[in-house]
């Protein structure tokens, strides 16, 4: 016969651990396992290796007011240009840089209009 818990036992177990602490511990442990598996794998196929390497980005963010631009990320854009949207996003989140309102007002994902694209105007002719 199964034992039932009283209402006092249920509230004690809920109060003893906060959700935020468990969530952070879960994320840390999950990421440690994921990084360990990522680094200690013998890849048998290039396509599988590529998918595994590009499945997540590892950001090493320097949370300092002047040196945040020296942060690194494993995404292809950061490997090429040494800065990426992930680093800028983290800097904006930690209030180390500010994003101008003009950039925030640009609509994202707007499709081009139908038809042929207009020819470029001549540069030195007054219009």
Protein backbone atom coordinates (compact mmCIF):
# COMPACT_ATOMS: atom_id res chain seq x y z
CA UNK A 1 0.00 0.00 0.00
CA UNK A 2 1.45 3.37 -0.99
CA UNK A 3 1.94 6.00 1.68
CA UNK A 4 0.47 9.41 1.05
CA UNK A 5 2.25 12.60 2.02
CA UNK A 6 0.57 15.09 4.28
CA UNK A 7 0.17 18.71 3.20
CA UNK A 8 2.95 19.77 5.60
CA UNK A 9 5.48 17.45 3.93
CA UNK A 10 4.66 18.81 0.47
CA UNK A 11 5.11 22.44 1.48
CA UNK A 12 8.40 21.72 3.27
CA UNK A 13 9.90 20.14 0.17
CA UNK A 14 8.79 23.06 -2.01
CA UNK A 15 10.06 25.72 0.38
CA UNK A 16 13.41 24.03 0.94
CA UNK A 17 14.61 24.56 -2.62
CA UNK A 18 13.98 27.58 -4.78
CA UNK A 19 13.31 27.10 -8.47
CA UNK A 20 16.06 29.52 -9.52
CA UNK A 21 18.80 27.61 -7.68
CA UNK A 22 17.74 24.28 -9.20
CA UNK A 23 17.48 25.83 -12.65
CA UNK A 24 21.01 27.28 -12.50
CA UNK A 25 22.48 24.01 -11.19
CA UNK A 26 20.71 22.09 -13.94
CA UNK A 27 22.09 24.43 -16.60
CA UNK A 28 25.64 24.25 -15.25
CA UNK A 29 25.63 20.46 -15.05
CA UNK A 30 23.98 20.11 -18.45
CA UNK A 31 26.53 22.42 -20.09
CA UNK A 32 29.46 20.64 -18.42
CA UNK A 33 28.26 17.30 -19.76
CA UNK A 34 27.60 18.77 -23.19
CA UNK A 35 31.07 20.34 -23.41
CA UNK A 36 32.73 17.15 -22.16
CA UNK A 37 30.89 15.08 -24.78
CA UNK A 38 31.71 17.65 -27.46
CA UNK A 39 35.44 17.59 -26.72
CA UNK A 40 35.84 13.83 -26.16
CA UNK A 41 34.18 12.39 -29.24
CA UNK A 42 35.75 10.37 -32.04
CA UNK A 43 33.95 11.58 -35.15
CA UNK A 44 33.38 8.94 -37.81
CA UNK A 45 31.80 11.19 -40.44
CA UNK A 46 32.52 14.80 -41.40
CA UNK A 47 28.83 15.73 -41.72
CA UNK A 48 28.08 14.43 -38.22
CA UNK A 49 31.09 16.32 -36.86
CA UNK A 50 29.98 19.52 -38.58
CA UNK A 51 26.45 19.23 -37.20
CA UNK A 52 27.82 18.54 -33.73
CA UNK A 53 30.22 21.47 -33.78
CA UNK A 54 27.62 23.89 -35.12
CA UNK A 55 24.82 22.75 -32.79
CA UNK A 56 25.64 25.37 -30.12
CA UNK A 57 28.00 28.31 -29.61
CA UNK A 58 30.35 28.57 -26.66
CA UNK A 59 30.81 32.20 -25.58
CA UNK A 60 33.58 33.25 -23.22
CA UNK A 61 32.41 36.69 -22.17
CA UNK A 62 34.67 39.12 -20.31
CA UNK A 63 32.32 41.08 -18.06
CA UNK A 64 34.50 44.18 -17.87
CA UNK A 65 33.59 47.66 -19.05
CA UNK A 66 36.56 48.06 -21.41
CA UNK A 67 37.59 44.51 -22.36
CA UNK A 68 34.24 43.00 -23.41
CA UNK A 69 35.26 43.40 -27.07
CA UNK A 70 38.01 40.80 -26.48
CA UNK A 71 35.38 38.15 -25.65
CA UNK A 72 35.26 35.07 -27.85
CA UNK A 73 32.53 32.91 -29.31
CA UNK A 74 32.71 29.69 -31.31
CA UNK A 75 30.24 30.81 -34.00
CA UNK A 76 31.56 31.19 -37.58
CA UNK A 77 31.04 34.98 -37.61
CA UNK A 78 33.19 35.47 -34.51
CA UNK A 79 35.88 33.14 -35.81
CA UNK A 80 36.11 35.27 -38.94
CA UNK A 81 35.54 38.84 -37.66
CA UNK A 82 36.46 38.43 -33.94
CA UNK A 83 33.07 39.92 -32.91
CA UNK A 84 29.54 38.60 -33.32
CA UNK A 85 25.93 39.30 -32.40
CA UNK A 86 26.16 36.97 -29.41
CA UNK A 87 28.93 39.03 -27.79
CA UNK A 88 27.21 42.34 -28.59
CA UNK A 89 23.94 40.95 -27.20
CA UNK A 90 25.62 39.90 -23.95
CA UNK A 91 27.32 43.30 -23.66
CA UNK A 92 23.97 45.03 -24.14
CA UNK A 93 22.37 42.75 -21.57
CA UNK A 94 25.05 43.59 -18.99
CA UNK A 95 24.77 47.29 -19.95
CA UNK A 96 28.37 47.53 -21.16
CA UNK A 97 27.27 49.03 -24.47
CA UNK A 98 24.12 50.72 -25.70
CA UNK A 99 22.25 49.90 -28.88
CA UNK A 100 21.06 53.01 -30.79
CA UNK A 101 17.33 53.55 -31.27
CA UNK A 102 17.79 53.66 -35.06
CA UNK A 103 18.93 50.04 -34.99
CA UNK A 104 16.00 49.01 -32.80
CA UNK A 105 13.45 50.64 -35.12
CA UNK A 106 14.50 48.73 -38.26
CA UNK A 107 11.85 46.12 -39.11
CA UNK A 108 13.25 42.60 -39.18
CA UNK A 109 12.52 40.07 -41.89
CA UNK A 110 10.82 42.42 -44.33
CA UNK A 111 10.44 40.88 -47.77
CA UNK A 112 11.43 42.65 -50.97
CA UNK A 113 8.72 44.03 -53.21
CA UNK A 114 7.70 42.22 -56.35
CA UNK A 115 9.16 43.17 -59.69
CA UNK A 116 12.46 44.25 -61.05
CA UNK A 117 14.85 46.14 -58.81
CA UNK A 118 15.25 49.82 -59.77
CA UNK A 119 18.50 50.81 -61.45
CA UNK A 120 21.02 52.63 -59.32
CA UNK A 121 21.07 56.40 -59.88
CA UNK A 122 24.20 58.00 -61.30
CA UNK A 123 26.38 59.26 -58.50
CA UNK A 124 27.41 62.70 -59.76
CA UNK A 125 24.15 63.84 -61.40
CA UNK A 126 21.95 66.23 -59.42
CA UNK A 127 18.46 64.77 -59.15
